[in-house]
Each structure stands twice: as C-alpha cells, then as structure tokens.
Amino acid sequence: MNTEDVVAVPFCVTQIACGDGIPFFDGIEYMKIPCKRLRGIKEPLLVEVTGDSMEPFFFHREIVLVDLDRLPSHGDFVLISFNGCLMIKRLHFKDGRMCLISTNFLYPTIFIKDCDDWQVLGVCVKKVRSLSELSLNTYKDIKLNK
C-alpha cells in the first residue's frame, strides 16, 4: 500500500464512556487508515469506547469511527458532550424532548433539560473490535433500526 492509499485520521486518546461520560480530554494522536474505509465520511475521528451501557451494540474497547461533519437524526448513535462529559449514546426524540438512550437496559434514559450543557459532536458510522484491525477489511457499518 502506498502513501496515497492512506490518510491520517485523528484518534481521541481518551476512552469515551458509554455510561456516565468522561470529564476530560487527553488529546489526539493520528492513525493511518485506508482511504477506501473513509468513503462518504467528511470529518473522521476515531474513539475507543469504555463501559457496558451501549452493549450489545458497542462493546468495551471497541473502536468507533465518528463523522464530525454529519448532522444527527432520530435514532443515530452520537458522540456527545453532555454537561462536561464525553459519551456515546443513541439520540431519540420523545414527546417533543430530546433524550439519550443506552442500549443496555440497565442504564436509565437521559432526558436533556434546558439547563443542560450539551453538544452533539458527531455521528458514529463504523466500528472495529480493536486498533490492530484498523487497517484490515473488518469494518462494520453501523446499521440502525430507527
């Protein structure tokens, strides 16, 4: 593979919690990813998830490819900054209110209130089991049942 076939994609050093969130950000490293894995993704970011609140959809230590340029819609898995913490949740609109849902039923739904400080940073679009699989043909598109 030559250098024209890969692109350096930012990788968030901080693991992103699928539960209550991570209150800090340790910085960015860069990972070389085959260009063909990034088709249709305008502003990629790699994150490693931690915790079990999004199981069975995202598992502890999985790598998720987030598109920071994609606008979220109902049912999308999103990377969100919520009250100073980074987390991955499923975005839903219920009864005119926005909420964040864990796919693990043991975790409560978070209803976003007017006083909350939040920003959807991007939409989760692909995942792999580990960093070692990033250059392999093992990416799974994130299919949603909205």
Protein backbone atom coordinates (compact mmCIF):
# COMPACT_ATOMS: atom_id res chain seq x y z
CA MET A 1 0.00 0.00 0.00
CA ASN A 2 1.49 3.37 -0.91
CA THR A 3 1.05 6.66 0.94
CA GLU A 4 -1.66 7.81 -1.47
CA ASP A 5 -3.87 4.95 -0.27
CA VAL A 6 -3.98 6.02 3.38
CA VAL A 7 -4.95 9.09 5.35
CA ALA A 8 -4.02 10.16 8.89
CA VAL A 9 -7.21 10.17 10.96
CA PRO A 10 -7.35 11.78 14.41
CA PHE A 11 -7.71 9.28 17.25
CA CYS A 12 -9.05 10.55 20.58
CA VAL A 13 -6.61 9.33 23.24
CA THR A 14 -9.28 9.47 25.95
CA GLN A 15 -11.57 6.46 26.04
CA ILE A 16 -15.16 7.61 25.53
CA ALA A 17 -17.54 6.27 28.15
CA CYS A 18 -20.79 4.74 27.09
CA GLY A 19 -22.12 5.19 30.65
CA ASP A 20 -21.83 8.42 32.60
CA GLY A 21 -19.23 10.03 30.36
CA ILE A 22 -15.59 11.04 30.66
CA PRO A 23 -14.98 14.52 32.11
CA PHE A 24 -11.67 15.25 30.39
CA PHE A 25 -9.92 15.02 27.05
CA ASP A 26 -6.32 13.76 26.85
CA GLY A 27 -5.58 14.84 23.30
CA ILE A 28 -5.28 13.47 19.80
CA GLU A 29 -2.97 11.02 18.08
CA TYR A 30 -3.16 10.10 14.41
CA MET A 31 -3.76 6.67 12.89
CA LYS A 32 -3.21 5.79 9.24
CA ILE A 33 -6.42 4.44 7.75
CA PRO A 34 -7.03 3.14 4.22
CA CYS A 35 -8.87 5.81 2.21
CA LYS A 36 -11.43 3.29 0.98
CA ARG A 37 -12.64 2.87 4.59
CA LEU A 38 -13.48 6.58 4.77
CA ARG A 39 -15.72 6.93 1.72
CA GLY A 40 -18.61 9.27 2.49
CA ILE A 41 -17.04 10.46 5.76
CA LYS A 42 -16.10 14.14 5.59
CA GLU A 43 -14.52 14.73 9.02
CA PRO A 44 -13.44 11.43 10.65
CA LEU A 45 -12.49 10.89 14.28
CA LEU A 46 -11.62 7.57 15.91
CA VAL A 47 -12.65 6.93 19.51
CA GLU A 48 -12.28 3.95 21.82
CA VAL A 49 -15.34 3.18 23.92
CA THR A 50 -15.30 2.06 27.53
CA GLY A 51 -18.06 0.63 29.67
CA ASP A 52 -21.09 -1.56 29.04
CA SER A 53 -24.03 0.84 28.76
CA MET A 54 -24.19 0.51 24.96
CA GLU A 55 -23.90 -3.30 24.86
CA PRO A 56 -24.78 -5.28 22.88
CA PHE A 57 -24.19 -2.66 20.19
CA PHE A 58 -20.83 -1.23 21.30
CA PHE A 59 -18.53 -3.29 23.48
CA HIS A 60 -15.81 -2.18 25.87
CA ARG A 61 -12.58 -1.24 23.98
CA GLU A 62 -14.19 -1.22 20.53
CA ILE A 63 -13.04 1.50 18.13
CA VAL A 64 -15.75 3.70 16.64
CA LEU A 65 -15.35 5.92 13.60
CA VAL A 66 -17.29 9.15 14.08
CA ASP A 67 -18.14 11.63 11.32
CA LEU A 68 -17.88 15.07 12.94
CA ASP A 69 -19.50 16.69 9.88
CA ARG A 70 -22.64 14.54 9.76
CA LEU A 71 -25.85 16.00 11.13
CA PRO A 72 -27.54 13.68 13.63
CA SER A 73 -31.10 12.48 13.31
CA HIS A 74 -33.51 10.46 15.43
CA GLY A 75 -32.05 7.05 16.26
CA ASP A 76 -28.42 7.82 15.42
CA PHE A 77 -25.59 6.81 17.71
CA VAL A 78 -23.79 10.03 18.55
CA LEU A 79 -20.64 11.29 20.23
CA ILE A 80 -21.93 13.98 22.57
CA SER A 81 -20.53 16.40 25.09
CA PHE A 82 -23.08 16.41 27.90
CA ASN A 83 -22.56 18.59 30.99
CA GLY A 84 -18.80 18.47 30.54
CA CYS A 85 -18.56 14.73 29.85
CA LEU A 86 -17.95 12.94 26.55
CA MET A 87 -20.15 9.92 25.85
CA ILE A 88 -21.68 7.79 23.13
CA LYS A 89 -25.46 7.39 23.23
CA ARG A 90 -28.40 6.83 20.91
CA LEU A 91 -30.23 10.06 20.13
CA HIS A 92 -34.02 9.98 20.39
CA PHE A 93 -36.84 12.46 20.34
CA LYS A 94 -39.69 11.54 22.71
CA ASP A 95 -42.77 13.65 23.33
CA GLY A 96 -41.04 16.69 21.85
CA ARG A 97 -37.98 16.23 24.06
CA MET A 98 -34.51 15.08 23.13
CA CYS A 99 -33.09 12.16 25.08
CA LEU A 100 -30.00 9.97 25.16
CA ILE A 101 -30.57 6.24 25.32
CA SER A 102 -28.27 3.41 26.36
CA THR A 103 -28.80 0.11 24.51
CA ASN A 104 -28.13 -1.77 27.77
CA PHE A 105 -31.48 -1.74 29.61
CA LEU A 106 -29.70 -1.47 32.99
CA TYR A 107 -28.94 2.22 32.30
CA PRO A 108 -31.59 4.95 32.50
CA THR A 109 -32.58 7.23 29.66
CA ILE A 110 -31.16 10.75 29.96
CA PHE A 111 -33.71 13.45 29.14
CA ILE A 112 -31.98 16.65 28.09
CA LYS A 113 -33.23 19.66 30.02
CA ASP A 114 -32.97 23.37 29.21
CA CYS A 115 -30.34 23.79 31.94
CA ASP A 116 -28.08 21.05 30.50
CA ASP A 117 -24.93 21.98 28.60
CA TRP A 118 -24.70 19.70 25.59
CA GLN A 119 -23.43 19.47 22.02
CA VAL A 120 -23.63 16.61 19.56
CA LEU A 121 -20.09 16.35 18.19
CA GLY A 122 -20.68 13.74 15.50
CA VAL A 123 -22.45 10.61 14.34
CA CYS A 124 -20.99 7.13 14.83
CA VAL A 125 -20.72 5.48 11.40
CA LYS A 126 -18.39 2.44 11.63
CA LYS A 127 -16.75 0.24 14.25
CA VAL A 128 -13.94 -2.28 14.62
CA ARG A 129 -13.02 -4.53 17.53
CA SER A 130 -9.52 -3.15 18.15
CA LEU A 131 -6.81 -0.76 16.98
CA SER A 132 -4.96 -3.64 15.32
CA GLU A 133 -7.92 -4.15 12.95
CA LEU A 134 -7.96 -0.57 11.67
CA SER A 135 -6.03 -1.35 8.50
CA LEU A 136 -7.84 -4.63 7.82
CA ASN A 137 -11.08 -5.25 5.99
CA THR A 138 -13.04 -5.76 9.23
CA TYR A 139 -15.02 -2.52 9.47
CA LYS A 140 -18.70 -2.85 10.21
CA ASP A 141 -21.06 -0.14 9.07
CA ILE A 142 -23.35 0.92 11.87
CA LYS A 143 -26.81 -0.13 10.74
CA LEU A 144 -29.66 1.49 12.57
CA ASN A 145 -33.23 0.41 13.18
CA LYS A 146 -34.71 3.87 13.68
